[in-house]
PDB file of N, CA and C in Angstrom:
ATOM      1  N   MET A   1     112.849 100.640 121.764  1.00  0.00           N
ATOM      2  CA  MET A   1     112.886 101.523 122.911  1.00  0.00           C
ATOM      3  C   MET A   1     113.048 100.765 124.222  1.00  0.00           C
ATOM      4  N   ILE A   2     113.047  99.463 124.164  1.00  0.00           N
ATOM      5  CA  ILE A   2     113.204  98.694 125.393  1.00  0.00           C
ATOM      6  C   ILE A   2     114.659  98.271 125.593  1.00  0.00           C
ATOM      7  N   SER A   3     115.532  98.738 124.733  1.00  0.00           N
ATOM      8  CA  SER A   3     116.945  98.393 124.846  1.00  0.00           C
ATOM      9  C   SER A   3     117.558  99.004 126.120  1.00  0.00           C
ATOM     10  N   PRO A   4     118.511  98.297 126.713  1.00  0.00           N
ATOM     11  CA  PRO A   4     119.177  98.839 127.896  1.00  0.00           C
ATOM     12  C   PRO A   4     119.914 100.156 127.600  1.00  0.00           C
ATOM     13  N   ALA A   5     120.214 100.426 126.351  1.00  0.00           N
ATOM     14  CA  ALA A   5     120.897 101.659 126.007  1.00  0.00           C
ATOM     15  C   ALA A   5     120.018 102.885 126.266  1.00  0.00           C
ATOM     16  N   PHE A   6     118.695 102.682 126.332  1.00  0.00           N
ATOM     17  CA  PHE A   6     117.783 103.797 126.542  1.00  0.00           C
ATOM     18  C   PHE A   6     117.381 103.984 127.995  1.00  0.00           C
ATOM     19  N   ARG A   7     117.752 103.070 128.859  1.00  0.00           N
ATOM     20  CA  ARG A   7     117.382 103.201 130.262  1.00  0.00           C
ATOM     21  C   ARG A   7     118.243 104.257 130.918  1.00  0.00           C
ATOM     22  N   ARG A   8     117.648 105.054 131.753  1.00  0.00           N
ATOM     23  CA  ARG A   8     118.340 106.190 132.345  1.00  0.00           C
ATOM     24  C   ARG A   8     119.140 105.800 133.590  1.00  0.00           C
ATOM     25  N   HIS A   9     118.604 104.946 134.416  1.00  0.00           N
ATOM     26  CA  HIS A   9     119.197 104.682 135.728  1.00  0.00           C
ATOM     27  C   HIS A   9     120.155 103.503 135.659  1.00  0.00           C
ATOM     28  N   GLY A  10     121.421 103.787 135.820  1.00  0.00           N
ATOM     29  CA  GLY A  10     122.415 102.729 135.935  1.00  0.00           C
ATOM     30  C   GLY A  10     122.851 102.100 134.617  1.00  0.00           C
ATOM     31  N   ALA A  11     122.437 102.616 133.508  1.00  0.00           N
ATOM     32  CA  ALA A  11     122.807 102.010 132.219  1.00  0.00           C
ATOM     33  C   ALA A  11     124.079 102.640 131.677  1.00  0.00           C
ATOM     34  N   ARG A  12     124.905 101.814 131.086  1.00  0.00           N
ATOM     35  CA  ARG A  12     126.110 102.320 130.424  1.00  0.00           C
ATOM     36  C   ARG A  12     125.739 102.717 129.003  1.00  0.00           C
ATOM     37  N   ARG A  13     126.584 103.557 128.408  1.00  0.00           N
ATOM     38  CA  ARG A  13     126.406 103.883 127.010  1.00  0.00           C
ATOM     39  C   ARG A  13     126.948 102.732 126.188  1.00  0.00           C
ATOM     40  N   ASP A  14     126.257 102.350 125.160  1.00  0.00           N
ATOM     41  CA  ASP A  14     126.674 101.241 124.317  1.00  0.00           C
ATOM     42  C   ASP A  14     127.038 101.769 122.926  1.00  0.00           C
ATOM     43  N   PRO A  15     128.327 101.940 122.650  1.00  0.00           N
ATOM     44  CA  PRO A  15     128.720 102.505 121.357  1.00  0.00           C
ATOM     45  C   PRO A  15     128.351 101.615 120.169  1.00  0.00           C
ATOM     46  N   ALA A  16     128.357 100.314 120.350  1.00  0.00           N
ATOM     47  CA  ALA A  16     127.982  99.429 119.255  1.00  0.00           C
ATOM     48  C   ALA A  16     126.522  99.613 118.874  1.00  0.00           C
ATOM     49  N   PHE A  17     125.673  99.744 119.881  1.00  0.00           N
ATOM     50  CA  PHE A  17     124.249  99.947 119.620  1.00  0.00           C
ATOM     51  C   PHE A  17     124.028 101.311 118.959  1.00  0.00           C
ATOM     52  N   ALA A  18     124.741 102.329 119.398  1.00  0.00           N
ATOM     53  CA  ALA A  18     124.604 103.672 118.815  1.00  0.00           C
ATOM     54  C   ALA A  18     125.006 103.642 117.343  1.00  0.00           C
ATOM     55  N   PHE A  19     126.079 102.921 117.022  1.00  0.00           N
ATOM     56  CA  PHE A  19     126.540 102.789 115.639  1.00  0.00           C
ATOM     57  C   PHE A  19     125.473 102.095 114.790  1.00  0.00           C
ATOM     58  N   GLN A  20     124.914 101.023 115.309  1.00  0.00           N
ATOM     59  CA  GLN A  20     123.861 100.296 114.581  1.00  0.00           C
ATOM     60  C   GLN A  20     122.634 101.158 114.346  1.00  0.00           C
ATOM     61  N   LEU A  21     122.289 101.967 115.331  1.00  0.00           N
ATOM     62  CA  LEU A  21     121.136 102.846 115.217  1.00  0.00           C
ATOM     63  C   LEU A  21     121.372 103.912 114.140  1.00  0.00           C
ATOM     64  N   LYS A  22     122.571 104.476 114.122  1.00  0.00           N
ATOM     65  CA  LYS A  22     122.912 105.466 113.079  1.00  0.00           C
ATOM     66  C   LYS A  22     122.818 104.845 111.711  1.00  0.00           C
ATOM     67  N   LEU A  23     123.408 103.654 111.561  1.00  0.00           N
ATOM     68  CA  LEU A  23     123.369 102.988 110.263  1.00  0.00           C
ATOM     69  C   LEU A  23     121.940 102.680 109.823  1.00  0.00           C
ATOM     70  N   PHE A  24     121.119 102.218 110.761  1.00  0.00           N
ATOM     71  CA  PHE A  24     119.734 101.878 110.438  1.00  0.00           C
ATOM     72  C   PHE A  24     118.994 103.095 109.874  1.00  0.00           C
ATOM     73  N   PHE A  25     119.070 104.215 110.563  1.00  0.00           N
ATOM     74  CA  PHE A  25     118.308 105.363 110.116  1.00  0.00           C
ATOM     75  C   PHE A  25     118.861 105.986 108.841  1.00  0.00           C
ATOM     76  N   LEU A  26     120.175 105.956 108.676  1.00  0.00           N
ATOM     77  CA  LEU A  26     120.759 106.480 107.425  1.00  0.00           C
ATOM     78  C   LEU A  26     120.392 105.588 106.237  1.00  0.00           C
ATOM     79  N   VAL A  27     120.354 104.292 106.446  1.00  0.00           N
ATOM     80  CA  VAL A  27     119.925 103.377 105.382  1.00  0.00           C
ATOM     81  C   VAL A  27     118.449 103.586 105.078  1.00  0.00           C
ATOM     82  N   CYS A  28     117.635 103.826 106.099  1.00  0.00           N
ATOM     83  CA  CYS A  28     116.203 104.107 105.881  1.00  0.00           C
ATOM     84  C   CYS A  28     116.007 105.343 105.018  1.00  0.00           C
ATOM     85  N   VAL A  29     116.732 106.403 105.305  1.00  0.00           N
ATOM     86  CA  VAL A  29     116.621 107.634 104.533  1.00  0.00           C
ATOM     87  C   VAL A  29     117.105 107.401 103.102  1.00  0.00           C
ATOM     88  N   THR A  30     118.185 106.629 102.936  1.00  0.00           N
ATOM     89  CA  THR A  30     118.687 106.351 101.597  1.00  0.00           C
ATOM     90  C   THR A  30     117.684 105.547 100.778  1.00  0.00           C
ATOM     91  N   ILE A  31     117.067 104.561 101.394  1.00  0.00           N
ATOM     92  CA  ILE A  31     116.063 103.755 100.697  1.00  0.00           C
ATOM     93  C   ILE A  31     114.854 104.606 100.343  1.00  0.00           C
ATOM     94  N   ALA A  32     114.439 105.498 101.222  1.00  0.00           N
ATOM     95  CA  ALA A  32     113.333 106.403 100.933  1.00  0.00           C
ATOM     96  C   ALA A  32     113.684 107.326  99.758  1.00  0.00           C
ATOM     97  N   ALA A  33     114.933 107.772  99.693  1.00  0.00           N
ATOM     98  CA  ALA A  33     115.367 108.623  98.576  1.00  0.00           C
ATOM     99  C   ALA A  33     115.376 107.841  97.268  1.00  0.00           C
ATOM    100  N   ILE A  34     115.815 106.613  97.305  1.00  0.00           N
ATOM    101  CA  ILE A  34     115.812 105.780  96.088  1.00  0.00           C
ATOM    102  C   ILE A  34     114.380 105.537  95.612  1.00  0.00           C
ATOM    103  N   TYR A  35     113.497 105.238  96.533  1.00  0.00           N
ATOM    104  CA  TYR A  35     112.093 105.025  96.157  1.00  0.00           C
ATOM    105  C   TYR A  35     111.456 106.314  95.629  1.00  0.00           C
ATOM    106  N   GLY A  36     111.763 107.428  96.276  1.00  0.00           N
ATOM    107  CA  GLY A  36     111.236 108.707  95.798  1.00  0.00           C
ATOM    108  C   GLY A  36     111.756 109.057  94.427  1.00  0.00           C
ATOM    109  N   ALA A  37     113.016 108.763  94.169  1.00  0.00           N
ATOM    110  CA  ALA A  37     113.587 109.044  92.849  1.00  0.00           C
ATOM    111  C   ALA A  37     112.957 108.147  91.790  1.00  0.00           C
ATOM    112  N   TRP A  38     112.659 106.933  92.156  1.00  0.00           N
ATOM    113  CA  TRP A  38     112.059 106.007  91.208  1.00  0.00           C
ATOM    114  C   TRP A  38     110.602 106.347  90.937  1.00  0.00           C
ATOM    115  N   SER A  39     109.857 106.757  91.963  1.00  0.00           N
ATOM    116  CA  SER A  39     108.425 106.955  91.818  1.00  0.00           C
ATOM    117  C   SER A  39     107.999 108.382  91.528  1.00  0.00           C
ATOM    118  N   VAL A  40     108.786 109.373  91.932  1.00  0.00           N
ATOM    119  CA  VAL A  40     108.352 110.753  91.751  1.00  0.00           C
ATOM    120  C   VAL A  40     109.295 111.526  90.836  1.00  0.00           C
ATOM    121  N   LYS A  41     110.469 111.849  91.352  1.00  0.00           N
ATOM    122  CA  LYS A  41     111.443 112.646  90.611  1.00  0.00           C
ATOM    123  C   LYS A  41     112.840 112.146  90.878  1.00  0.00           C
ATOM    124  N   PRO A  42     113.685 111.997  89.863  1.00  0.00           N
ATOM    125  CA  PRO A  42     115.056 111.589  90.102  1.00  0.00           C
ATOM    126  C   PRO A  42     115.849 112.584  90.943  1.00  0.00           C
ATOM    127  N   ARG A  43     115.424 113.819  90.948  1.00  0.00           N
ATOM    128  CA  ARG A  43     116.125 114.836  91.717  1.00  0.00           C
ATOM    129  C   ARG A  43     116.115 114.556  93.222  1.00  0.00           C
ATOM    130  N   ILE A  44     115.103 113.819  93.686  1.00  0.00           N
ATOM    131  CA  ILE A  44     114.978 113.477  95.096  1.00  0.00           C
ATOM    132  C   ILE A  44     116.201 112.693  95.577  1.00  0.00           C
ATOM    133  N   LEU A  45     116.751 111.870  94.683  1.00  0.00           N
ATOM    134  CA  LEU A  45     117.913 111.071  95.074  1.00  0.00           C
ATOM    135  C   LEU A  45     119.093 111.960  95.449  1.00  0.00           C
ATOM    136  N   PHE A  46     119.277 113.063  94.756  1.00  0.00           N
ATOM    137  CA  PHE A  46     120.391 113.958  95.067  1.00  0.00           C
ATOM    138  C   PHE A  46     120.102 114.861  96.255  1.00  0.00           C
ATOM    139  N   ILE A  47     118.853 115.317  96.360  1.00  0.00           N
ATOM    140  CA  ILE A  47     118.518 116.245  97.456  1.00  0.00           C
ATOM    141  C   ILE A  47     118.424 115.529  98.795  1.00  0.00           C
ATOM    142  N   GLN A  48     117.752 114.398  98.824  1.00  0.00           N
ATOM    143  CA  GLN A  48     117.561 113.660 100.063  1.00  0.00           C
ATOM    144  C   GLN A  48     118.623 112.570 100.243  1.00  0.00           C
ATOM    145  N   GLY A  49     118.912 111.872  99.197  1.00  0.00           N
ATOM    146  CA  GLY A  49     119.827 110.745  99.288  1.00  0.00           C
ATOM    147  C   GLY A  49     121.288 111.147  99.343  1.00  0.00           C
ATOM    148  N   GLY A  50     121.648 112.240  98.711  1.00  0.00           N
ATOM    149  CA  GLY A  50     123.044 112.686  98.692  1.00  0.00           C
ATOM    150  C   GLY A  50     123.613 112.891 100.100  1.00  0.00           C
ATOM    151  N   PRO A  51     122.971 113.729 100.908  1.00  0.00           N
ATOM    152  CA  PRO A  51     123.485 113.927 102.274  1.00  0.00           C
ATOM    153  C   PRO A  51     123.430 112.641 103.121  1.00  0.00           C
ATOM    154  N   ALA A  52     122.416 111.810 102.902  1.00  0.00           N
ATOM    155  CA  ALA A  52     122.310 110.568 103.669  1.00  0.00           C
ATOM    156  C   ALA A  52     123.435 109.592 103.283  1.00  0.00           C
ATOM    157  N   ILE A  53     123.723 109.485 102.007  1.00  0.00           N
ATOM    158  CA  ILE A  53     124.801 108.602 101.555  1.00  0.00           C
ATOM    159  C   ILE A  53     126.144 109.137 102.031  1.00  0.00           C
ATOM    160  N   PHE A  54     126.321 110.421 101.959  1.00  0.00           N
ATOM    161  CA  PHE A  54     127.569 111.056 102.454  1.00  0.00           C
ATOM    162  C   PHE A  54     127.742 110.772 103.942  1.00  0.00           C
ATOM    163  N   ALA A  55     126.683 110.974 104.733  1.00  0.00           N
ATOM    164  CA  ALA A  55     126.751 110.710 106.168  1.00  0.00           C
ATOM    165  C   ALA A  55     126.971 109.226 106.457  1.00  0.00           C
ATOM    166  N   LEU A  56     126.388 108.371 105.633  1.00  0.00           N
ATOM    167  CA  LEU A  56     126.559 106.920 105.812  1.00  0.00           C
ATOM    168  C   LEU A  56     128.015 106.531 105.572  1.00  0.00           C
ATOM    169  N   VAL A  57     128.625 107.069 104.528  1.00  0.00           N
ATOM    170  CA  VAL A  57     130.023 106.779 104.239  1.00  0.00           C
ATOM    171  C   VAL A  57     130.924 107.282 105.364  1.00  0.00           C
ATOM    172  N   LEU A  58     130.683 108.512 105.817  1.00  0.00           N
ATOM    173  CA  LEU A  58     131.482 109.074 106.903  1.00  0.00           C
ATOM    174  C   LEU A  58     131.323 108.302 108.208  1.00  0.00           C
ATOM    175  N   THR A  59     130.115 107.842 108.479  1.00  0.00           N
ATOM    176  CA  THR A  59     129.847 107.063 109.684  1.00  0.00           C
ATOM    177  C   THR A  59     130.619 105.743 109.658  1.00  0.00           C
ATOM    178  N   VAL A  60     130.602 105.084 108.514  1.00  0.00           N
ATOM    179  CA  VAL A  60     131.291 103.801 108.384  1.00  0.00           C
ATOM    180  C   VAL A  60     132.803 104.022 108.463  1.00  0.00           C
ATOM    181  N   LEU A  61     133.325 105.087 107.836  1.00  0.00           N
ATOM    182  CA  LEU A  61     134.742 105.354 107.884  1.00  0.00           C
ATOM    183  C   LEU A  61     135.220 105.755 109.283  1.00  0.00           C
ATOM    184  N   ALA A  62     134.348 106.400 110.060  1.00  0.00           N
ATOM    185  CA  ALA A  62     134.727 106.862 111.380  1.00  0.00           C
ATOM    186  C   ALA A  62     134.753 105.735 112.408  1.00  0.00           C
ATOM    187  N   SER A  63     134.139 104.619 112.080  1.00  0.00           N
ATOM    188  CA  SER A  63     134.056 103.515 113.060  1.00  0.00           C
ATOM    189  C   SER A  63     135.354 102.714 113.115  1.00  0.00           C
TER     190      SER A  63
END
């Protein structure tokens, strides 16, 4: 939260940082889905991980 990308006054938008942030959170959700599928129910991988993996692929392709 201390990144210059979050400062309101006089800061430019940083597309590289935004891309990295998107990737980070999508990978976090995917890892959580894999762990949930391994520890609780395999169905979690499709319900939670499916949309996250789809969004991750689209994000990488759009860059």
